[in-house]
Amino acid sequence: MRRPRRNHSAKFKSRVALAALKGEKTLVELSEQFDVHANQITDWKTQLLNSVEGVFLTKAERRELDSGPSVKDLQAKIGQLTMENDFLAGALGRSHDASAKR
């Protein structure tokens, strides 16, 4: 019989991932100790390693990462696409033709 799905807290996940990072015990030992599958421990360890950089970011760096592309980048992209459209319309030579609007 399957056991019900469990939701682990962030505190528990971090404790397990840190124990895996220390390397004092094998995955099998950690799996038995925390009653979690070894694959789950490996996933949490990977998530911890991928997100650890964010701990040392300054507020300005966090804002820059969260804000997405800047207005300057978006305006440059708009200009590039406008130039491409104008070039293609001229290259086709049908800018006033009805078939160009299809």
C-alpha atoms as a PDB file:
ATOM      1  CA  MET A   1       0.000   0.000   0.000  1.00  0.00           C
ATOM      2  CA  ARG A   2       1.292   3.459  -0.899  1.00  0.00           C
ATOM      3  CA  ARG A   3       1.792   6.037   1.757  1.00  0.00           C
ATOM      4  CA  PRO A   4       0.120   9.430   1.326  1.00  0.00           C
ATOM      5  CA  ARG A   5       1.959  12.241  -0.415  1.00  0.00           C
ATOM      6  CA  ARG A   6       4.069  14.295   1.976  1.00  0.00           C
ATOM      7  CA  ASN A   7       4.879  17.986   1.732  1.00  0.00           C
ATOM      8  CA  HIS A   8       8.164  18.899   3.351  1.00  0.00           C
ATOM      9  CA  SER A   9       8.923  22.325   4.738  1.00  0.00           C
ATOM     10  CA  ALA A  10      11.704  24.484   3.355  1.00  0.00           C
ATOM     11  CA  LYS A  11      13.531  24.141   6.666  1.00  0.00           C
ATOM     12  CA  PHE A  12      13.507  20.332   6.397  1.00  0.00           C
ATOM     13  CA  LYS A  13      14.633  20.407   2.758  1.00  0.00           C
ATOM     14  CA  SER A  14      17.509  22.746   3.545  1.00  0.00           C
ATOM     15  CA  ARG A  15      18.617  20.601   6.487  1.00  0.00           C
ATOM     16  CA  VAL A  16      18.652  17.472   4.296  1.00  0.00           C
ATOM     17  CA  ALA A  17      20.438  19.244   1.419  1.00  0.00           C
ATOM     18  CA  LEU A  18      23.102  20.649   3.746  1.00  0.00           C
ATOM     19  CA  ALA A  19      23.668  17.205   5.233  1.00  0.00           C
ATOM     20  CA  ALA A  20      24.138  15.857   1.702  1.00  0.00           C
ATOM     21  CA  LEU A  21      26.582  18.662   0.891  1.00  0.00           C
ATOM     22  CA  LYS A  22      28.687  17.914   3.948  1.00  0.00           C
ATOM     23  CA  GLY A  23      29.333  14.424   2.601  1.00  0.00           C
ATOM     24  CA  GLU A  24      29.738  12.861   6.050  1.00  0.00           C
ATOM     25  CA  LYS A  25      27.128  10.206   5.220  1.00  0.00           C
ATOM     26  CA  THR A  26      26.200   8.391   2.040  1.00  0.00           C
ATOM     27  CA  LEU A  27      22.928   9.003   0.229  1.00  0.00           C
ATOM     28  CA  VAL A  28      21.609   5.683   1.495  1.00  0.00           C
ATOM     29  CA  GLU A  29      22.352   6.635   5.102  1.00  0.00           C
ATOM     30  CA  LEU A  30      20.751  10.058   4.638  1.00  0.00           C
ATOM     31  CA  SER A  31      17.765   8.455   2.972  1.00  0.00           C
ATOM     32  CA  GLU A  32      17.236   6.169   5.954  1.00  0.00           C
ATOM     33  CA  GLN A  33      17.876   8.930   8.481  1.00  0.00           C
ATOM     34  CA  PHE A  34      15.413  11.429   6.978  1.00  0.00           C
ATOM     35  CA  ASP A  35      13.005   8.860   5.439  1.00  0.00           C
ATOM     36  CA  VAL A  36      13.295  10.470   2.005  1.00  0.00           C
ATOM     37  CA  HIS A  37      14.248   8.842  -1.304  1.00  0.00           C
ATOM     38  CA  ALA A  38      17.854   9.307  -2.433  1.00  0.00           C
ATOM     39  CA  ASN A  39      16.753  10.911  -5.717  1.00  0.00           C
ATOM     40  CA  GLN A  40      14.822  13.534  -3.757  1.00  0.00           C
ATOM     41  CA  ILE A  41      17.891  14.320  -1.664  1.00  0.00           C
ATOM     42  CA  THR A  42      19.958  14.737  -4.830  1.00  0.00           C
ATOM     43  CA  ASP A  43      17.325  17.084  -6.320  1.00  0.00           C
ATOM     44  CA  TRP A  44      17.253  19.243  -3.186  1.00  0.00           C
ATOM     45  CA  LYS A  45      21.053  19.354  -3.110  1.00  0.00           C
ATOM     46  CA  THR A  46      21.121  20.483  -6.757  1.00  0.00           C
ATOM     47  CA  GLN A  47      18.494  23.159  -6.093  1.00  0.00           C
ATOM     48  CA  LEU A  48      20.523  24.433  -3.157  1.00  0.00           C
ATOM     49  CA  LEU A  49      23.707  24.631  -5.210  1.00  0.00           C
ATOM     50  CA  ASN A  50      21.917  26.433  -8.072  1.00  0.00           C
ATOM     51  CA  SER A  51      20.336  29.049  -5.813  1.00  0.00           C
ATOM     52  CA  VAL A  52      23.177  29.687  -3.390  1.00  0.00           C
ATOM     53  CA  GLU A  53      24.502  32.578  -5.520  1.00  0.00           C
ATOM     54  CA  GLY A  54      21.394  34.596  -4.688  1.00  0.00           C
ATOM     55  CA  VAL A  55      22.339  34.688  -1.014  1.00  0.00           C
ATOM     56  CA  PHE A  56      25.212  37.080  -1.666  1.00  0.00           C
ATOM     57  CA  LEU A  57      23.517  39.424  -4.162  1.00  0.00           C
ATOM     58  CA  THR A  58      23.026  43.034  -3.174  1.00  0.00           C
ATOM     59  CA  LYS A  59      19.579  44.628  -3.308  1.00  0.00           C
ATOM     60  CA  ALA A  60      20.453  46.445  -6.530  1.00  0.00           C
ATOM     61  CA  GLU A  61      21.613  43.223  -8.183  1.00  0.00           C
ATOM     62  CA  ARG A  62      18.421  41.424  -7.117  1.00  0.00           C
ATOM     63  CA  ARG A  63      16.278  44.227  -8.526  1.00  0.00           C
ATOM     64  CA  GLU A  64      18.189  44.093 -11.809  1.00  0.00           C
ATOM     65  CA  LEU A  65      17.678  40.328 -12.111  1.00  0.00           C
ATOM     66  CA  ASP A  66      13.978  40.499 -11.227  1.00  0.00           C
ATOM     67  CA  SER A  67      13.140  43.458 -13.465  1.00  0.00           C
ATOM     68  CA  GLY A  68      13.668  41.603 -16.765  1.00  0.00           C
ATOM     69  CA  PRO A  69      14.908  43.334 -19.906  1.00  0.00           C
ATOM     70  CA  SER A  70      15.601  47.049 -19.688  1.00  0.00           C
ATOM     71  CA  VAL A  71      13.709  49.702 -21.635  1.00  0.00           C
ATOM     72  CA  LYS A  72      16.848  50.460 -23.625  1.00  0.00           C
ATOM     73  CA  ASP A  73      17.142  46.823 -24.742  1.00  0.00           C
ATOM     74  CA  LEU A  74      13.474  46.703 -25.729  1.00  0.00           C
ATOM     75  CA  GLN A  75      13.726  49.940 -27.734  1.00  0.00           C
ATOM     76  CA  ALA A  76      16.792  48.598 -29.543  1.00  0.00           C
ATOM     77  CA  LYS A  77      14.886  45.438 -30.441  1.00  0.00           C
ATOM     78  CA  ILE A  78      11.932  47.487 -31.733  1.00  0.00           C
ATOM     79  CA  GLY A  79      14.284  49.525 -33.910  1.00  0.00           C
ATOM     80  CA  GLN A  80      15.922  46.384 -35.276  1.00  0.00           C
ATOM     81  CA  LEU A  81      12.569  44.793 -36.138  1.00  0.00           C
ATOM     82  CA  THR A  82      11.339  48.014 -37.773  1.00  0.00           C
ATOM     83  CA  MET A  83      14.442  48.134 -39.973  1.00  0.00           C
ATOM     84  CA  GLU A  84      13.980  44.484 -40.948  1.00  0.00           C
ATOM     85  CA  ASN A  85      10.332  45.085 -41.862  1.00  0.00           C
ATOM     86  CA  ASP A  86      11.218  48.130 -43.937  1.00  0.00           C
ATOM     87  CA  PHE A  87      14.000  46.249 -45.717  1.00  0.00           C
ATOM     88  CA  LEU A  88      11.789  43.289 -46.516  1.00  0.00           C
ATOM     89  CA  ALA A  89       8.972  45.513 -47.748  1.00  0.00           C
ATOM     90  CA  GLY A  90      11.421  47.293 -50.063  1.00  0.00           C
ATOM     91  CA  ALA A  91      13.043  44.038 -51.181  1.00  0.00           C
ATOM     92  CA  LEU A  92       9.699  42.570 -52.117  1.00  0.00           C
ATOM     93  CA  GLY A  93       8.862  45.663 -54.114  1.00  0.00           C
ATOM     94  CA  ARG A  94       5.196  45.104 -53.448  1.00  0.00           C
ATOM     95  CA  SER A  95       4.645  47.469 -50.574  1.00  0.00           C
ATOM     96  CA  HIS A  96       1.696  49.084 -52.402  1.00  0.00           C
ATOM     97  CA  ASP A  97       0.426  45.863 -53.944  1.00  0.00           C
ATOM     98  CA  ALA A  98      -2.614  44.170 -52.415  1.00  0.00           C
ATOM     99  CA  SER A  99      -0.830  40.804 -52.216  1.00  0.00           C
ATOM    100  CA  ALA A 100       1.787  42.246 -49.833  1.00  0.00           C
ATOM    101  CA  LYS A 101      -0.811  42.609 -47.100  1.00  0.00           C
ATOM    102  CA  ARG A 102      -1.558  38.875 -46.918  1.00  0.00           C
END
